[in-house]
Amino acid sequence: MNLMDIYQELKDDIHVIEQELFRSIDSHYPLIEEAASHLLKAGGKRIRPIFVLLGGKSGVYDIERLKHVAVALELIHMATLVHDDVIDDAETRRGKPTVKAKWDNRVAMYTGDFILAQALSRITRLSDPRVHQILSKAIVDMCVGEIEQIQALYQWNQSLKTYFMRIKRKTALLMAISCQLGGLVCNAPEPVVRALYRYGYYVGMAFQITDDILDFTGSEKQLGKPAGSDLRQGNITLPVLASFRNPAIRDAIINEFKSGSPDMPKIINLIKQSGGIHVAKTIAQRYLEKARRSLEDLQSVYSKKTFIQITDFIEQRTY
């Protein structure tokens, strides 16, 4: 299954959003515009804008209103990626050099700020205060999630609860409000808007857990970065935490990092042998089942069908 096959019926509106994204980063300053468009040109799944459009199908569908939400949310996501690459000292993103790598940290940080400012400018085209309240709270929570991740680096004793709260703030929240705001701006019934939020939250949790699994099971070509990159940078994810149920494997992994030059292929193999990957997949599947059940209140047959196809894609994805 390919995401673009799922999105076929929305391709015209996706094209509108893609054009609006490029318009949003238009600038009188060539360096800012070039740096801001660098990541945009590298592509992406555009899953947040898609969630906005599908959420809108549950109300009075209006692309002229939805495009402002979709563009703002994708720009916020892009801004966080540019900032993340500075924090992580990452050289590649989506198989391309990062803004930080192509220019430098200073250009990257201000590029991320510029993209975020453009997102906030775009959302002001909608006057509903609920939209602004939901979006501003989400940005605050996302920043908290990023700080929590920095504080948790190389903290081998962190709990599963800490991990789940972190990925909610970092990833699931933006997907949840993408679905929610799509329904809200198109006047979907309140119970449907709540169901859309739940769907986005559950799918977002599964999406991030799957990303964390792929960090150990994917190839560098698929991931656009070396396997095990997250753990090498000290980000301890669900497959690692699950592998720590075996004290011998836990000690072996920690000792590798204490050595100062961890053998990542060896560590990845230990995590695979421990069953940590299987545990993480099982938990991701539970979230996806909750996502499917949350669709029962949706009135749009097309949205329901497409949302289910997206959960199936996430369950099967290898990149």
C-alpha atoms as a PDB file:
ATOM      1  CA  MET A   1       0.000   0.000   0.000  1.00  0.00           C
ATOM      2  CA  ASN A   2       1.257   3.482  -0.942  1.00  0.00           C
ATOM      3  CA  LEU A   3       0.135   6.651   0.823  1.00  0.00           C
ATOM      4  CA  MET A   4      -0.372   8.451  -2.473  1.00  0.00           C
ATOM      5  CA  ASP A   5      -2.787   5.710  -3.554  1.00  0.00           C
ATOM      6  CA  ILE A   6      -4.801   6.385  -0.403  1.00  0.00           C
ATOM      7  CA  TYR A   7      -4.808  10.127  -1.087  1.00  0.00           C
ATOM      8  CA  GLN A   8      -5.875   9.948  -4.752  1.00  0.00           C
ATOM      9  CA  GLU A   9      -9.323  11.445  -4.199  1.00  0.00           C
ATOM     10  CA  LEU A  10      -7.751  14.382  -2.364  1.00  0.00           C
ATOM     11  CA  LYS A  11      -4.945  15.053  -4.863  1.00  0.00           C
ATOM     12  CA  ASP A  12      -6.412  18.337  -6.157  1.00  0.00           C
ATOM     13  CA  ASP A  13      -6.721  19.768  -2.654  1.00  0.00           C
ATOM     14  CA  ILE A  14      -3.285  18.429  -1.700  1.00  0.00           C
ATOM     15  CA  HIS A  15      -1.926  20.325  -4.707  1.00  0.00           C
ATOM     16  CA  VAL A  16      -3.600  23.494  -3.407  1.00  0.00           C
ATOM     17  CA  ILE A  17      -1.944  23.011  -0.006  1.00  0.00           C
ATOM     18  CA  GLU A  18       1.451  22.313  -1.581  1.00  0.00           C
ATOM     19  CA  GLN A  19       1.228  25.582  -3.527  1.00  0.00           C
ATOM     20  CA  GLU A  20       0.166  27.449  -0.388  1.00  0.00           C
ATOM     21  CA  LEU A  21       3.124  26.014   1.527  1.00  0.00           C
ATOM     22  CA  PHE A  22       5.557  27.471  -0.991  1.00  0.00           C
ATOM     23  CA  ARG A  23       3.727  30.803  -0.951  1.00  0.00           C
ATOM     24  CA  SER A  24       3.955  30.870   2.833  1.00  0.00           C
ATOM     25  CA  ILE A  25       7.747  30.708   2.853  1.00  0.00           C
ATOM     26  CA  ASP A  26       8.153  33.327   0.145  1.00  0.00           C
ATOM     27  CA  SER A  27      10.470  36.037   1.427  1.00  0.00           C
ATOM     28  CA  HIS A  28      12.197  39.200   0.233  1.00  0.00           C
ATOM     29  CA  TYR A  29      15.409  37.756   1.677  1.00  0.00           C
ATOM     30  CA  PRO A  30      16.888  35.088  -0.653  1.00  0.00           C
ATOM     31  CA  LEU A  31      18.838  33.212   2.043  1.00  0.00           C
ATOM     32  CA  ILE A  32      15.786  32.804   4.295  1.00  0.00           C
ATOM     33  CA  GLU A  33      13.628  31.688   1.385  1.00  0.00           C
ATOM     34  CA  GLU A  34      16.229  29.228   0.096  1.00  0.00           C
ATOM     35  CA  ALA A  35      16.817  27.710   3.525  1.00  0.00           C
ATOM     36  CA  ALA A  36      13.091  27.522   4.320  1.00  0.00           C
ATOM     37  CA  SER A  37      12.260  25.876   0.990  1.00  0.00           C
ATOM     38  CA  HIS A  38      15.128  23.391   1.306  1.00  0.00           C
ATOM     39  CA  LEU A  39      13.236  21.004   3.580  1.00  0.00           C
ATOM     40  CA  LEU A  40       9.929  21.619   1.814  1.00  0.00           C
ATOM     41  CA  LYS A  41      11.462  20.542  -1.511  1.00  0.00           C
ATOM     42  CA  ALA A  42      12.734  17.333   0.106  1.00  0.00           C
ATOM     43  CA  GLY A  43       9.105  16.196   0.313  1.00  0.00           C
ATOM     44  CA  GLY A  44       7.404  14.331   3.119  1.00  0.00           C
ATOM     45  CA  LYS A  45       4.263  12.337   3.826  1.00  0.00           C
ATOM     46  CA  ARG A  46       2.120  15.467   4.462  1.00  0.00           C
ATOM     47  CA  ILE A  47       0.092  13.328   6.835  1.00  0.00           C
ATOM     48  CA  ARG A  48      -0.952  16.303   8.998  1.00  0.00           C
ATOM     49  CA  PRO A  49      -2.511  18.241   6.102  1.00  0.00           C
ATOM     50  CA  ILE A  50      -4.218  15.036   4.995  1.00  0.00           C
ATOM     51  CA  PHE A  51      -5.686  14.626   8.488  1.00  0.00           C
ATOM     52  CA  VAL A  52      -6.991  18.204   8.312  1.00  0.00           C
ATOM     53  CA  LEU A  53      -8.721  17.501   4.991  1.00  0.00           C
ATOM     54  CA  LEU A  54     -10.200  14.211   6.186  1.00  0.00           C
ATOM     55  CA  GLY A  55     -11.421  15.876   9.374  1.00  0.00           C
ATOM     56  CA  GLY A  56     -13.120  18.481   7.222  1.00  0.00           C
ATOM     57  CA  LYS A  57     -15.056  15.767   5.390  1.00  0.00           C
ATOM     58  CA  SER A  58     -17.003  15.204   8.612  1.00  0.00           C
ATOM     59  CA  GLY A  59     -18.516  18.696   8.372  1.00  0.00           C
ATOM     60  CA  VAL A  60     -19.272  21.199   5.618  1.00  0.00           C
ATOM     61  CA  TYR A  61     -16.099  20.702   3.605  1.00  0.00           C
ATOM     62  CA  ASP A  62     -14.442  23.999   2.666  1.00  0.00           C
ATOM     63  CA  ILE A  63     -10.924  23.910   1.217  1.00  0.00           C
ATOM     64  CA  GLU A  64     -10.635  27.705   1.536  1.00  0.00           C
ATOM     65  CA  ARG A  65     -10.826  27.374   5.330  1.00  0.00           C
ATOM     66  CA  LEU A  66      -9.073  24.028   5.617  1.00  0.00           C
ATOM     67  CA  LYS A  67      -6.008  25.139   3.663  1.00  0.00           C
ATOM     68  CA  HIS A  68      -5.097  27.703   6.336  1.00  0.00           C
ATOM     69  CA  VAL A  69      -5.156  25.037   9.066  1.00  0.00           C
ATOM     70  CA  ALA A  70      -3.328  22.470   6.933  1.00  0.00           C
ATOM     71  CA  VAL A  71      -0.566  24.887   5.927  1.00  0.00           C
ATOM     72  CA  ALA A  72      -0.093  26.189   9.479  1.00  0.00           C
ATOM     73  CA  LEU A  73       0.211  22.699  10.966  1.00  0.00           C
ATOM     74  CA  GLU A  74       2.649  21.476   8.300  1.00  0.00           C
ATOM     75  CA  LEU A  75       4.777  24.601   8.767  1.00  0.00           C
ATOM     76  CA  ILE A  76       4.863  24.026  12.537  1.00  0.00           C
ATOM     77  CA  HIS A  77       5.965  20.454  11.904  1.00  0.00           C
ATOM     78  CA  MET A  78       8.677  21.662   9.510  1.00  0.00           C
ATOM     79  CA  ALA A  79       9.927  24.239  12.003  1.00  0.00           C
ATOM     80  CA  THR A  80      10.338  21.567  14.671  1.00  0.00           C
ATOM     81  CA  LEU A  81      12.319  19.390  12.232  1.00  0.00           C
ATOM     82  CA  VAL A  82      14.733  22.235  11.425  1.00  0.00           C
ATOM     83  CA  HIS A  83      15.252  22.893  15.139  1.00  0.00           C
ATOM     84  CA  ASP A  84      15.552  19.170  15.938  1.00  0.00           C
ATOM     85  CA  ASP A  85      18.348  18.792  13.412  1.00  0.00           C
ATOM     86  CA  VAL A  86      20.330  21.495  15.200  1.00  0.00           C
ATOM     87  CA  ILE A  87      19.771  19.867  18.593  1.00  0.00           C
ATOM     88  CA  ASP A  88      20.664  16.416  17.216  1.00  0.00           C
ATOM     89  CA  ASP A  89      23.574  17.690  15.086  1.00  0.00           C
ATOM     90  CA  ALA A  90      21.956  15.775  12.206  1.00  0.00           C
ATOM     91  CA  GLU A  91      23.562  15.837   8.770  1.00  0.00           C
ATOM     92  CA  THR A  92      20.681  14.378   6.738  1.00  0.00           C
ATOM     93  CA  ARG A  93      16.884  14.568   6.722  1.00  0.00           C
ATOM     94  CA  ARG A  94      14.751  12.667   4.200  1.00  0.00           C
ATOM     95  CA  GLY A  95      17.976  11.634   2.478  1.00  0.00           C
ATOM     96  CA  LYS A  96      19.038  15.259   1.919  1.00  0.00           C
ATOM     97  CA  PRO A  97      21.454  17.533   3.821  1.00  0.00           C
ATOM     98  CA  THR A  98      19.740  19.298   6.708  1.00  0.00           C
ATOM     99  CA  VAL A  99      19.440  23.089   6.805  1.00  0.00           C
ATOM    100  CA  LYS A 100      21.990  23.002   9.595  1.00  0.00           C
ATOM    101  CA  ALA A 101      24.398  20.939   7.476  1.00  0.00           C
ATOM    102  CA  LYS A 102      23.984  23.004   4.298  1.00  0.00           C
ATOM    103  CA  TRP A 103      24.315  26.351   6.076  1.00  0.00           C
ATOM    104  CA  ASP A 104      25.017  26.424   9.814  1.00  0.00           C
ATOM    105  CA  ASN A 105      23.296  26.315  13.200  1.00  0.00           C
ATOM    106  CA  ARG A 106      22.522  30.031  13.266  1.00  0.00           C
ATOM    107  CA  VAL A 107      20.850  30.027   9.866  1.00  0.00           C
ATOM    108  CA  ALA A 108      18.948  26.863  10.793  1.00  0.00           C
ATOM    109  CA  MET A 109      17.609  28.243  14.081  1.00  0.00           C
ATOM    110  CA  TYR A 110      16.363  31.451  12.497  1.00  0.00           C
ATOM    111  CA  THR A 111      14.970  29.515   9.548  1.00  0.00           C
ATOM    112  CA  GLY A 112      12.943  27.410  11.981  1.00  0.00           C
ATOM    113  CA  ASP A 113      11.763  30.585  13.732  1.00  0.00           C
ATOM    114  CA  PHE A 114      10.788  32.124  10.373  1.00  0.00           C
ATOM    115  CA  ILE A 115       8.782  29.041   9.374  1.00  0.00           C
ATOM    116  CA  LEU A 116       7.005  29.030  12.761  1.00  0.00           C
ATOM    117  CA  ALA A 117       6.193  32.737  12.425  1.00  0.00           C
ATOM    118  CA  GLN A 118       4.732  32.107   8.981  1.00  0.00           C
ATOM    119  CA  ALA A 119       2.568  29.326  10.450  1.00  0.00           C
ATOM    120  CA  LEU A 120       1.177  31.700  13.076  1.00  0.00           C
ATOM    121  CA  SER A 121       0.582  34.358  10.439  1.00  0.00           C
ATOM    122  CA  ARG A 122      -1.347  31.881   8.321  1.00  0.00           C
ATOM    123  CA  ILE A 123      -3.668  30.745  11.119  1.00  0.00           C
ATOM    124  CA  THR A 124      -4.718  34.361  11.834  1.00  0.00           C
ATOM    125  CA  ARG A 125      -6.737  34.194   8.605  1.00  0.00           C
ATOM    126  CA  LEU A 126      -9.289  32.220  10.624  1.00  0.00           C
ATOM    127  CA  SER A 127     -11.111  34.260  13.273  1.00  0.00           C
ATOM    128  CA  ASP A 128     -12.416  31.408  15.466  1.00  0.00           C
ATOM    129  CA  PRO A 129     -10.697  31.843  18.869  1.00  0.00           C
ATOM    130  CA  ARG A 130     -11.005  28.104  19.551  1.00  0.00           C
ATOM    131  CA  VAL A 131      -8.607  27.405  16.683  1.00  0.00           C
ATOM    132  CA  HIS A 132      -6.012  29.795  18.111  1.00  0.00           C
ATOM    133  CA  GLN A 133      -6.402  28.421  21.640  1.00  0.00           C
ATOM    134  CA  ILE A 134      -5.980  24.807  20.525  1.00  0.00           C
ATOM    135  CA  LEU A 135      -2.976  25.628  18.354  1.00  0.00           C
ATOM    136  CA  SER A 136      -1.170  27.798  20.912  1.00  0.00           C
ATOM    137  CA  LYS A 137      -1.612  25.212  23.670  1.00  0.00           C
ATOM    138  CA  ALA A 138      -0.293  22.502  21.359  1.00  0.00           C
ATOM    139  CA  ILE A 139       2.837  24.537  20.567  1.00  0.00           C
ATOM    140  CA  VAL A 140       3.489  25.027  24.291  1.00  0.00           C
ATOM    141  CA  ASP A 141       3.080  21.297  24.959  1.00  0.00           C
ATOM    142  CA  MET A 142       5.341  20.408  22.026  1.00  0.00           C
ATOM    143  CA  CYS A 143       8.072  22.662  23.427  1.00  0.00           C
ATOM    144  CA  VAL A 144       7.697  20.955  26.812  1.00  0.00           C
ATOM    145  CA  GLY A 145       8.049  17.597  25.044  1.00  0.00           C
ATOM    146  CA  GLU A 146      11.271  18.709  23.371  1.00  0.00           C
ATOM    147  CA  ILE A 147      12.731  19.900  26.681  1.00  0.00           C
ATOM    148  CA  GLU A 148      11.699  16.616  28.302  1.00  0.00           C
ATOM    149  CA  GLN A 149      13.512  14.705  25.581  1.00  0.00           C
ATOM    150  CA  ILE A 150      16.697  16.700  26.167  1.00  0.00           C
ATOM    151  CA  GLN A 151      16.472  16.059  29.913  1.00  0.00           C
ATOM    152  CA  ALA A 152      15.894  12.333  29.316  1.00  0.00           C
ATOM    153  CA  LEU A 153      18.946  11.803  27.084  1.00  0.00           C
ATOM    154  CA  TYR A 154      21.030   8.858  28.338  1.00  0.00           C
ATOM    155  CA  GLN A 155      18.694   8.480  31.342  1.00  0.00           C
ATOM    156  CA  TRP A 156      18.669   4.696  31.379  1.00  0.00           C
ATOM    157  CA  ASN A 157      16.235   4.410  34.295  1.00  0.00           C
ATOM    158  CA  GLN A 158      13.344   6.379  32.774  1.00  0.00           C
ATOM    159  CA  SER A 159       9.880   4.840  32.943  1.00  0.00           C
ATOM    160  CA  LEU A 160       7.515   3.821  30.174  1.00  0.00           C
ATOM    161  CA  LYS A 161       5.103   6.492  31.422  1.00  0.00           C
ATOM    162  CA  THR A 162       7.757   9.150  30.810  1.00  0.00           C
ATOM    163  CA  TYR A 163       8.342   7.834  27.286  1.00  0.00           C
ATOM    164  CA  PHE A 164       4.629   7.794  26.396  1.00  0.00           C
ATOM    165  CA  MET A 165       4.073  11.339  27.699  1.00  0.00           C
ATOM    166  CA  ARG A 166       7.075  12.536  25.720  1.00  0.00           C
ATOM    167  CA  ILE A 167       5.930  11.087  22.393  1.00  0.00           C
ATOM    168  CA  LYS A 168       2.403  12.377  22.995  1.00  0.00           C
ATOM    169  CA  ARG A 169       3.753  15.913  23.247  1.00  0.00           C
ATOM    170  CA  LYS A 170       6.347  15.570  20.498  1.00  0.00           C
ATOM    171  CA  THR A 171       4.313  13.737  17.845  1.00  0.00           C
ATOM    172  CA  ALA A 172       0.800  12.548  18.683  1.00  0.00           C
ATOM    173  CA  LEU A 173      -0.534  15.935  19.762  1.00  0.00           C
ATOM    174  CA  LEU A 174       0.012  17.634  16.397  1.00  0.00           C
ATOM    175  CA  MET A 175      -1.654  14.745  14.576  1.00  0.00           C
ATOM    176  CA  ALA A 176      -4.567  14.825  17.034  1.00  0.00           C
ATOM    177  CA  ILE A 177      -5.254  18.529  16.547  1.00  0.00           C
ATOM    178  CA  SER A 178      -4.857  18.138  12.760  1.00  0.00           C
ATOM    179  CA  CYS A 179      -7.899  15.861  12.767  1.00  0.00           C
ATOM    180  CA  GLN A 180      -9.687  17.937  15.403  1.00  0.00           C
ATOM    181  CA  LEU A 181      -9.220  21.326  13.722  1.00  0.00           C
ATOM    182  CA  GLY A 182     -10.230  19.932  10.333  1.00  0.00           C
ATOM    183  CA  GLY A 183     -13.584  18.986  11.801  1.00  0.00           C
ATOM    184  CA  LEU A 184     -13.879  22.126  13.903  1.00  0.00           C
ATOM    185  CA  VAL A 185     -13.405  24.676  11.109  1.00  0.00           C
ATOM    186  CA  CYS A 186     -15.952  22.821   8.960  1.00  0.00           C
ATOM    187  CA  ASN A 187     -18.546  22.784  11.759  1.00  0.00           C
ATOM    188  CA  ALA A 188     -18.600  19.021  12.364  1.00  0.00           C
ATOM    189  CA  PRO A 189     -20.737  17.964  15.379  1.00  0.00           C
ATOM    190  CA  GLU A 190     -18.900  18.197  18.700  1.00  0.00           C
ATOM    191  CA  PRO A 191     -18.915  14.394  19.375  1.00  0.00           C
ATOM    192  CA  VAL A 192     -17.353  13.882  15.934  1.00  0.00           C
ATOM    193  CA  VAL A 193     -14.679  16.524  16.612  1.00  0.00           C
ATOM    194  CA  ARG A 194     -13.798  14.706  19.850  1.00  0.00           C
ATOM    195  CA  ALA A 195     -13.652  11.372  17.997  1.00  0.00           C
ATOM    196  CA  LEU A 196     -11.367  12.920  15.374  1.00  0.00           C
ATOM    197  CA  TYR A 197      -9.016  14.103  18.117  1.00  0.00           C
ATOM    198  CA  ARG A 198      -8.904  10.626  19.656  1.00  0.00           C
ATOM    199  CA  TYR A 199      -8.179   9.035  16.291  1.00  0.00           C
ATOM    200  CA  GLY A 200      -5.302  11.439  15.619  1.00  0.00           C
ATOM    201  CA  TYR A 201      -3.874  10.882  19.096  1.00  0.00           C
ATOM    202  CA  TYR A 202      -3.926   7.087  18.867  1.00  0.00           C
ATOM    203  CA  VAL A 203      -2.519   7.072  15.330  1.00  0.00           C
ATOM    204  CA  GLY A 204       0.144   9.597  16.335  1.00  0.00           C
ATOM    205  CA  MET A 205       1.285   7.402  19.224  1.00  0.00           C
ATOM    206  CA  ALA A 206       1.486   4.384  16.925  1.00  0.00           C
ATOM    207  CA  PHE A 207       3.241   6.444  14.249  1.00  0.00           C
ATOM    208  CA  GLN A 208       6.011   7.529  16.636  1.00  0.00           C
ATOM    209  CA  ILE A 209       6.441   4.050  18.120  1.00  0.00           C
ATOM    210  CA  THR A 210       6.756   2.707  14.578  1.00  0.00           C
ATOM    211  CA  ASP A 211       9.378   5.368  13.828  1.00  0.00           C
ATOM    212  CA  ASP A 212      11.255   4.243  16.922  1.00  0.00           C
ATOM    213  CA  ILE A 213      11.097   0.633  15.746  1.00  0.00           C
ATOM    214  CA  LEU A 214      12.302   1.545  12.256  1.00  0.00           C
ATOM    215  CA  ASP A 215      15.321   3.265  13.780  1.00  0.00           C
ATOM    216  CA  PHE A 216      16.541  -0.265  14.533  1.00  0.00           C
ATOM    217  CA  THR A 217      15.040  -2.274  11.674  1.00  0.00           C
ATOM    218  CA  GLY A 218      15.317   0.104   8.700  1.00  0.00           C
ATOM    219  CA  SER A 219      18.280   0.609   6.390  1.00  0.00           C
ATOM    220  CA  GLU A 220      20.155   3.886   6.013  1.00  0.00           C
ATOM    221  CA  LYS A 221      18.673   4.233   2.513  1.00  0.00           C
ATOM    222  CA  GLN A 222      15.134   3.832   3.860  1.00  0.00           C
ATOM    223  CA  LEU A 223      15.640   6.056   6.899  1.00  0.00           C
ATOM    224  CA  GLY A 224      17.788   8.762   5.337  1.00  0.00           C
ATOM    225  CA  LYS A 225      20.153   8.348   8.316  1.00  0.00           C
ATOM    226  CA  PRO A 226      22.180   5.501   9.869  1.00  0.00           C
ATOM    227  CA  ALA A 227      20.229   2.836  11.785  1.00  0.00           C
ATOM    228  CA  GLY A 228      20.342   3.371  15.541  1.00  0.00           C
ATOM    229  CA  SER A 229      20.854   7.138  15.193  1.00  0.00           C
ATOM    230  CA  ASP A 230      18.308   8.008  17.877  1.00  0.00           C
ATOM    231  CA  LEU A 231      19.904   5.773  20.483  1.00  0.00           C
ATOM    232  CA  ARG A 232      23.414   6.915  19.545  1.00  0.00           C
ATOM    233  CA  GLN A 233      22.258  10.443  20.407  1.00  0.00           C
ATOM    234  CA  GLY A 234      20.924   9.241  23.765  1.00  0.00           C
ATOM    235  CA  ASN A 235      17.230   9.088  22.886  1.00  0.00           C
ATOM    236  CA  ILE A 236      15.960   5.982  24.686  1.00  0.00           C
ATOM    237  CA  THR A 237      12.832   4.719  22.942  1.00  0.00           C
ATOM    238  CA  LEU A 238      10.301   1.947  23.488  1.00  0.00           C
ATOM    239  CA  PRO A 239      12.264  -0.917  21.836  1.00  0.00           C
ATOM    240  CA  VAL A 240      15.211  -0.126  24.125  1.00  0.00           C
ATOM    241  CA  LEU A 241      13.094   0.218  27.264  1.00  0.00           C
ATOM    242  CA  ALA A 242      11.368  -3.086  26.431  1.00  0.00           C
ATOM    243  CA  SER A 243      14.726  -4.810  25.910  1.00  0.00           C
ATOM    244  CA  PHE A 244      15.769  -3.716  29.417  1.00  0.00           C
ATOM    245  CA  ARG A 245      13.413  -6.346  30.872  1.00  0.00           C
ATOM    246  CA  ASN A 246      16.423  -8.611  30.380  1.00  0.00           C
ATOM    247  CA  PRO A 247      19.034  -7.362  32.913  1.00  0.00           C
ATOM    248  CA  ALA A 248      21.936  -8.902  30.981  1.00  0.00           C
ATOM    249  CA  ILE A 249      20.996  -7.054  27.796  1.00  0.00           C
ATOM    250  CA  ARG A 250      20.385  -3.857  29.740  1.00  0.00           C
ATOM    251  CA  ASP A 251      23.847  -4.020  31.294  1.00  0.00           C
ATOM    252  CA  ALA A 252      25.476  -4.899  27.961  1.00  0.00           C
ATOM    253  CA  ILE A 253      23.912  -1.884  26.203  1.00  0.00           C
ATOM    254  CA  ILE A 254      24.745   0.552  29.003  1.00  0.00           C
ATOM    255  CA  ASN A 255      28.337  -0.735  29.164  1.00  0.00           C
ATOM    256  CA  GLU A 256      28.705  -0.181  25.410  1.00  0.00           C
ATOM    257  CA  PHE A 257      27.867   3.487  25.900  1.00  0.00           C
ATOM    258  CA  LYS A 258      30.104   3.778  28.974  1.00  0.00           C
ATOM    259  CA  SER A 259      32.989   2.596  26.806  1.00  0.00           C
ATOM    260  CA  GLY A 260      32.789   5.870  24.863  1.00  0.00           C
ATOM    261  CA  SER A 261      32.568   4.190  21.455  1.00  0.00           C
ATOM    262  CA  PRO A 262      29.378   2.096  21.375  1.00  0.00           C
ATOM    263  CA  ASP A 263      29.228  -0.696  18.803  1.00  0.00           C
ATOM    264  CA  MET A 264      25.858   0.187  17.243  1.00  0.00           C
ATOM    265  CA  PRO A 265      25.469  -2.978  15.093  1.00  0.00           C
ATOM    266  CA  LYS A 266      26.050  -5.047  18.246  1.00  0.00           C
ATOM    267  CA  ILE A 267      23.559  -2.959  20.248  1.00  0.00           C
ATOM    268  CA  ILE A 268      20.920  -3.184  17.514  1.00  0.00           C
ATOM    269  CA  ASN A 269      21.356  -6.949  17.425  1.00  0.00           C
ATOM    270  CA  LEU A 270      20.953  -7.154  21.216  1.00  0.00           C
ATOM    271  CA  ILE A 271      17.707  -5.189  21.060  1.00  0.00           C
ATOM    272  CA  LYS A 272      16.383  -7.450  18.305  1.00  0.00           C
ATOM    273  CA  GLN A 273      17.343 -10.588  20.238  1.00  0.00           C
ATOM    274  CA  SER A 274      15.685  -9.300  23.424  1.00  0.00           C
ATOM    275  CA  GLY A 275      12.189  -9.184  21.944  1.00  0.00           C
ATOM    276  CA  GLY A 276      12.046  -5.409  22.475  1.00  0.00           C
ATOM    277  CA  ILE A 277      11.012  -4.863  18.857  1.00  0.00           C
ATOM    278  CA  HIS A 278       8.128  -7.320  19.227  1.00  0.00           C
ATOM    279  CA  VAL A 279       6.896  -5.637  22.419  1.00  0.00           C
ATOM    280  CA  ALA A 280       6.971  -2.218  20.740  1.00  0.00           C
ATOM    281  CA  LYS A 281       5.068  -3.534  17.702  1.00  0.00           C
ATOM    282  CA  THR A 282       2.417  -5.050  19.954  1.00  0.00           C
ATOM    283  CA  ILE A 283       1.867  -1.748  21.768  1.00  0.00           C
ATOM    284  CA  ALA A 284       1.714   0.162  18.459  1.00  0.00           C
ATOM    285  CA  GLN A 285      -0.929  -2.280  17.211  1.00  0.00           C
ATOM    286  CA  ARG A 286      -3.002  -1.682  20.363  1.00  0.00           C
ATOM    287  CA  TYR A 287      -2.992   2.046  19.666  1.00  0.00           C
ATOM    288  CA  LEU A 288      -4.039   1.397  16.062  1.00  0.00           C
ATOM    289  CA  GLU A 289      -6.946  -0.757  17.229  1.00  0.00           C
ATOM    290  CA  LYS A 290      -8.066   2.075  19.510  1.00  0.00           C
ATOM    291  CA  ALA A 291      -7.792   4.431  16.534  1.00  0.00           C
ATOM    292  CA  ARG A 292     -10.038   2.198  14.437  1.00  0.00           C
ATOM    293  CA  ARG A 293     -12.627   1.973  17.222  1.00  0.00           C
ATOM    294  CA  SER A 294     -12.675   5.757  17.618  1.00  0.00           C
ATOM    295  CA  LEU A 295     -14.026   6.096  14.057  1.00  0.00           C
ATOM    296  CA  GLU A 296     -17.456   4.676  14.930  1.00  0.00           C
ATOM    297  CA  ASP A 297     -18.999   8.169  15.333  1.00  0.00           C
ATOM    298  CA  LEU A 298     -17.758   9.483  11.995  1.00  0.00           C
ATOM    299  CA  GLN A 299     -20.495  10.316   9.509  1.00  0.00           C
ATOM    300  CA  SER A 300     -18.294  10.556   6.418  1.00  0.00           C
ATOM    301  CA  VAL A 301     -17.951   7.137   4.784  1.00  0.00           C
ATOM    302  CA  TYR A 302     -14.987   8.383   2.740  1.00  0.00           C
ATOM    303  CA  SER A 303     -13.133   9.730   5.791  1.00  0.00           C
ATOM    304  CA  LYS A 304     -13.760   6.568   7.778  1.00  0.00           C
ATOM    305  CA  LYS A 305     -12.515   4.354   4.936  1.00  0.00           C
ATOM    306  CA  THR A 306      -9.431   6.515   4.356  1.00  0.00           C
ATOM    307  CA  PHE A 307      -8.568   6.796   8.038  1.00  0.00           C
ATOM    308  CA  ILE A 308      -8.701   2.995   8.302  1.00  0.00           C
ATOM    309  CA  GLN A 309      -6.421   2.680   5.270  1.00  0.00           C
ATOM    310  CA  ILE A 310      -3.952   5.025   6.959  1.00  0.00           C
ATOM    311  CA  THR A 311      -3.941   2.902  10.124  1.00  0.00           C
ATOM    312  CA  ASP A 312      -3.278  -0.138   7.923  1.00  0.00           C
ATOM    313  CA  PHE A 313      -0.402   1.706   6.235  1.00  0.00           C
ATOM    314  CA  ILE A 314       1.166   2.643   9.586  1.00  0.00           C
ATOM    315  CA  GLU A 315       0.832  -0.952  10.763  1.00  0.00           C
ATOM    316  CA  GLN A 316       2.681  -2.186   7.658  1.00  0.00           C
ATOM    317  CA  ARG A 317       5.108   0.660   6.977  1.00  0.00           C
ATOM    318  CA  THR A 318       8.786  -0.016   6.462  1.00  0.00           C
ATOM    319  CA  TYR A 319      10.003   3.567   5.940  1.00  0.00           C
END
